Every structure is written in structure tokens, then in C-alpha cells.
Amino acid sequence: MNVRHASVVFAAALALAAFCSTARAGGHAAAAHKAKDKTVWIHPVIAKFGGVHPRTDVDMQPDPNAVYKVFVDVVGYSKDPSRMDGSLQRLARLVNLMGFAKVPARNVHIVALLDERAGAATLTDEAYVRMMKEREPKQAKGLTGNPNLPILHALKKAGVKVEVCGQALADNDFQHDWVNKDVTITLSALSDLIMYGNMGYSFVKQ
């Protein structure tokens, strides 16, 4: 074999190796994409909201025989008034996680207090749209209602006590009669935290 022929053979071998490597990479990417498409989400308690990826093979599974008392201080809010607050989705996921672990509803006691700017999520459709058009006219363009009300209603139906901080309402100039009927107005998040703590509730902030 002369030098020129050897060079051609070597180049062909490199091209073949590169093609095989690309094919393998493409195969792995396709397999990963296919696996992602098969990710399972379930909603044991609250349909449509707070989906849970079921895993029984991992550590720290809730005990179905234990009693869970949780006070959640909700302060996260969506900067887009037409989108649901992500913090409420996480709250729904907590409920669904307990359902997935087969913790009976009688053993799950969750209080969700919407605080600070998250209090806007508790307003009626009419009050929410009016408030947003007055304060955020550009973002409120085309807004027809409060996107958070469906999940708040679902949370209450699932047994979550949904509250809003009365001090936060005042800070944001929200009238009490603007608050949706599914939500209870409390004196203050500060005093609620202490009182529920005295009753044995764990504290979560999101």
C-alpha cells in the first residue's frame, strides 16, 4: 500500500468513526427525549393542579399513619397578571403528594396564608381586573379575570384553609369586600404564624 492510498483509507476510517459517533449521540438524544415524553404526572387529590411525579423507590415517603399540620406563608406571586401564581401550584402539589402517599384527608391539616403582594391572588374577578387596569395598565391589557381563583377554589375543596393577611390587604389598598368568598381574612400573618405554631403546625414559606 503506497502513502497516498494509506491516507485515503485513514481519512475514510475517520469519517466512518465520526458518523458512528454522531449516530450514537443522536440515538441517545432521541432516547432521552422519548424518556422525557413518558414522564408521568398524577393528581391524586386536586385535578389539573400541582401534578406529582410518582416515586415509591426513593427515601422520605410520608407516613400514612402520621398527622401532618402545616402552615404555609405564601408570598410568591406572578409578575404576569394573566398567569397563575406558581406558589399556588406548589401548594396544590403538597396536597397531591400527601394523597399519593395515601395519607388520609383526616390526617392532613394545611393552612395557606397569602401574604404581601400574593394577597392580590385572593381578589374577585371584577376587583382583580379593575385593580390591575388601574395599577398595571400595560400588563392588564386583555385581562378578563383572576387566573388564581380556580386553584384557590380547588384547594379549599381539597380541605386547605385558605386565608389572606388583613395587614397585607391594607398595605396594598385592597378593600375587604374585594376578597373572594373562598378566602378567610385574618388579622395578620405575623400573629397567625405564632398562633398556629403554638398549635403544633410546621412552618413553610414559599
Protein backbone atom coordinates (compact mmCIF):
# COMPACT_ATOMS: atom_id res chain seq x y z
CA MET A 1 0.00 0.00 0.00
CA ASN A 2 1.52 3.35 -1.04
CA VAL A 3 1.36 6.51 1.12
CA ARG A 4 -1.43 8.11 -0.92
CA HIS A 5 -3.64 5.03 -0.69
CA ALA A 6 -2.98 4.74 3.04
CA SER A 7 -4.03 8.39 3.52
CA VAL A 8 -7.31 7.78 1.70
CA VAL A 9 -8.04 4.70 3.82
CA PHE A 10 -7.22 6.59 7.02
CA ALA A 11 -9.49 9.51 6.06
CA ALA A 12 -12.34 7.12 5.26
CA ALA A 13 -11.89 5.44 8.65
CA LEU A 14 -12.05 8.82 10.41
CA ALA A 15 -15.22 9.76 8.52
CA LEU A 16 -16.84 6.45 9.44
CA ALA A 17 -15.91 6.89 13.11
CA ALA A 18 -17.34 10.41 13.13
CA PHE A 19 -20.57 9.18 11.52
CA CYS A 20 -20.95 6.39 14.09
CA SER A 21 -20.29 8.81 16.95
CA THR A 22 -22.92 11.24 15.62
CA ALA A 23 -25.40 8.43 15.16
CA ARG A 24 -24.85 7.23 18.73
CA ALA A 25 -25.24 10.78 20.07
CA GLY A 26 -28.41 11.23 18.06
CA GLY A 27 -29.70 7.94 19.35
CA HIS A 28 -29.00 8.93 22.94
CA ALA A 29 -30.68 12.31 22.44
CA ALA A 30 -33.72 10.67 20.89
CA ALA A 31 -33.89 8.17 23.75
CA ALA A 32 -33.63 10.97 26.31
CA HIS A 33 -36.37 12.93 24.55
CA LYS A 34 -38.54 9.84 24.39
CA ALA A 35 -37.99 9.21 28.12
CA LYS A 36 -38.92 12.83 28.87
CA ASP A 37 -42.12 12.46 26.85
CA LYS A 38 -43.03 9.48 29.04
CA THR A 39 -42.69 11.38 32.34
CA VAL A 40 -45.79 10.57 34.36
CA TRP A 41 -47.71 13.16 36.35
CA ILE A 42 -50.65 12.27 38.58
CA HIS A 43 -53.23 14.28 40.53
CA PRO A 44 -54.49 12.06 43.39
CA VAL A 45 -56.48 14.79 45.17
CA ILE A 46 -56.58 18.01 43.16
CA ALA A 47 -57.22 17.52 39.46
CA LYS A 48 -55.38 19.71 36.93
CA PHE A 49 -53.18 21.44 39.50
CA GLY A 50 -49.99 20.52 41.38
CA GLY A 51 -49.08 17.36 39.48
CA VAL A 52 -46.88 14.78 41.24
CA HIS A 53 -44.30 12.52 39.62
CA PRO A 54 -44.90 9.22 41.45
CA ARG A 55 -41.84 7.59 43.05
CA THR A 56 -42.11 4.81 45.59
CA ASP A 57 -38.43 3.85 45.29
CA VAL A 58 -36.97 6.95 46.95
CA ASP A 59 -36.34 8.00 50.54
CA MET A 60 -38.57 10.08 52.86
CA GLN A 61 -42.05 8.88 51.98
CA PRO A 62 -44.85 10.44 54.08
CA ASP A 63 -46.19 8.05 56.73
CA PRO A 64 -49.91 7.35 56.11
CA ASN A 65 -50.42 6.88 59.86
CA ALA A 66 -48.92 10.24 60.87
CA VAL A 67 -50.79 13.52 61.31
CA TYR A 68 -49.48 16.47 59.30
CA LYS A 69 -50.15 20.06 60.35
CA VAL A 70 -48.63 22.66 58.04
CA PHE A 71 -48.87 26.45 57.96
CA VAL A 72 -47.80 27.83 54.57
CA ASP A 73 -46.95 31.51 54.26
CA VAL A 74 -47.50 32.24 50.56
CA VAL A 75 -45.58 35.31 49.40
CA GLY A 76 -44.64 34.35 45.84
CA TYR A 77 -46.65 35.92 43.03
CA SER A 78 -46.68 36.02 39.26
CA LYS A 79 -45.30 39.14 37.59
CA ASP A 80 -47.66 38.41 34.71
CA PRO A 81 -51.21 39.17 35.96
CA SER A 82 -52.70 36.82 33.37
CA ARG A 83 -50.81 33.81 34.76
CA MET A 84 -51.47 31.77 37.88
CA ASP A 85 -49.08 32.19 40.80
CA GLY A 86 -46.56 29.34 40.78
CA SER A 87 -46.58 29.24 44.58
CA LEU A 88 -50.19 28.07 44.48
CA GLN A 89 -49.23 25.23 42.14
CA ARG A 90 -46.62 24.13 44.70
CA LEU A 91 -49.26 24.26 47.39
CA ALA A 92 -51.51 22.00 45.33
CA ARG A 93 -48.55 19.67 44.81
CA LEU A 94 -48.17 19.37 48.59
CA VAL A 95 -51.78 18.21 48.83
CA ASN A 96 -51.30 15.76 45.96
CA LEU A 97 -48.08 14.41 47.49
CA MET A 98 -49.99 13.50 50.63
CA GLY A 99 -52.63 11.86 48.51
CA PHE A 100 -50.02 9.90 46.58
CA ALA A 101 -48.57 8.66 49.89
CA LYS A 102 -52.10 7.56 50.88
CA VAL A 103 -52.24 9.84 53.89
CA PRO A 104 -55.97 10.08 54.70
CA ALA A 105 -57.52 13.54 54.41
CA ARG A 106 -58.38 13.48 58.13
CA ASN A 107 -54.63 13.41 58.89
CA VAL A 108 -53.72 16.38 56.67
CA HIS A 109 -54.26 19.89 58.06
CA ILE A 110 -52.93 22.64 55.81
CA VAL A 111 -53.42 26.36 56.31
CA ALA A 112 -52.33 28.60 53.44
CA LEU A 113 -51.99 32.30 54.23
CA LEU A 114 -51.49 34.60 51.25
CA ASP A 115 -49.29 37.45 52.38
CA GLU A 116 -47.70 40.60 50.99
CA ARG A 117 -48.29 41.05 47.22
CA ALA A 118 -49.56 37.48 46.92
CA GLY A 119 -52.78 38.80 48.50
CA ALA A 120 -53.86 40.02 45.05
CA ALA A 121 -54.49 36.39 44.11
CA THR A 122 -57.45 36.32 46.52
CA LEU A 123 -59.43 39.09 44.82
CA THR A 124 -62.66 38.51 42.93
CA ASP A 125 -62.52 38.59 39.13
CA GLU A 126 -64.06 42.06 38.99
CA ALA A 127 -61.82 43.53 41.71
CA TYR A 128 -58.67 41.91 40.27
CA VAL A 129 -59.24 43.23 36.74
CA ARG A 130 -60.17 46.71 37.97
CA MET A 131 -57.15 46.90 40.26
CA MET A 132 -54.72 45.66 37.61
CA LYS A 133 -56.04 48.05 34.96
CA GLU A 134 -55.60 50.95 37.37
CA ARG A 135 -52.12 49.98 38.60
CA GLU A 136 -50.59 47.98 35.74
CA PRO A 137 -52.48 49.11 32.59
CA LYS A 138 -49.95 47.73 30.11
CA GLN A 139 -49.80 44.28 31.70
CA ALA A 140 -53.56 44.21 32.26
CA LYS A 141 -54.40 44.64 28.59
CA GLY A 142 -56.86 41.91 27.60
CA LEU A 143 -57.23 40.68 31.20
CA THR A 144 -60.70 39.24 31.86
CA GLY A 145 -60.42 37.72 35.34
CA ASN A 146 -58.27 36.48 38.18
CA PRO A 147 -56.33 33.40 36.96
CA ASN A 148 -55.78 32.23 40.55
CA LEU A 149 -59.40 31.67 41.55
CA PRO A 150 -59.81 28.17 40.04
CA ILE A 151 -56.87 26.78 42.02
CA LEU A 152 -57.92 28.58 45.22
CA HIS A 153 -61.36 27.00 44.90
CA ALA A 154 -59.78 23.58 44.26
CA LEU A 155 -57.52 23.97 47.30
CA LYS A 156 -60.44 24.83 49.56
CA LYS A 157 -62.45 21.91 48.19
CA ALA A 158 -59.49 19.64 49.00
CA GLY A 159 -59.56 20.74 52.64
CA VAL A 160 -56.96 23.51 52.64
CA LYS A 161 -57.88 26.52 54.76
CA VAL A 162 -57.12 29.48 52.51
CA GLU A 163 -56.51 32.80 54.26
CA VAL A 164 -55.26 36.27 53.41
CA CYS A 165 -53.40 38.64 55.71
CA GLY A 166 -55.55 41.61 56.71
CA GLN A 167 -52.46 43.78 57.11
CA ALA A 168 -51.33 42.92 53.58
CA LEU A 169 -54.74 43.91 52.25
CA ALA A 170 -54.39 47.29 53.95
CA ASP A 171 -50.79 47.74 52.76
CA ASN A 172 -51.92 47.19 49.17
CA ASP A 173 -55.11 49.26 49.50
CA PHE A 174 -57.32 46.24 48.86
CA GLN A 175 -60.82 46.52 50.33
CA HIS A 176 -62.11 43.55 52.34
CA ASP A 177 -65.15 43.19 50.10
CA TRP A 178 -62.82 42.64 47.14
CA VAL A 179 -61.75 39.26 48.56
CA ASN A 180 -63.22 36.09 47.05
CA LYS A 181 -65.65 34.10 49.21
CA ASP A 182 -63.34 31.05 49.26
CA VAL A 183 -60.79 33.03 51.29
CA THR A 184 -60.84 33.91 55.01
CA ILE A 185 -59.42 37.27 56.10
CA THR A 186 -57.21 37.10 59.20
CA LEU A 187 -55.75 39.81 61.39
CA SER A 188 -52.09 39.35 60.44
CA ALA A 189 -49.62 36.84 59.07
CA LEU A 190 -47.31 37.71 61.96
CA SER A 191 -49.77 36.70 64.67
CA ASP A 192 -51.09 33.76 62.64
CA LEU A 193 -47.60 32.27 62.45
CA ILE A 194 -47.26 32.39 66.24
CA MET A 195 -50.75 31.07 66.94
CA TYR A 196 -50.53 28.16 64.50
CA GLY A 197 -47.04 27.41 65.79
CA ASN A 198 -48.49 27.11 69.28
CA MET A 199 -50.96 24.58 67.85
CA GLY A 200 -48.13 22.40 66.55
CA TYR A 201 -48.10 23.46 62.90
CA SER A 202 -44.89 23.25 60.88
CA PHE A 203 -43.95 26.43 59.02
CA VAL A 204 -43.32 26.64 55.28
CA LYS A 205 -42.69 29.83 53.31
CA GLN A 206 -42.98 29.98 49.55
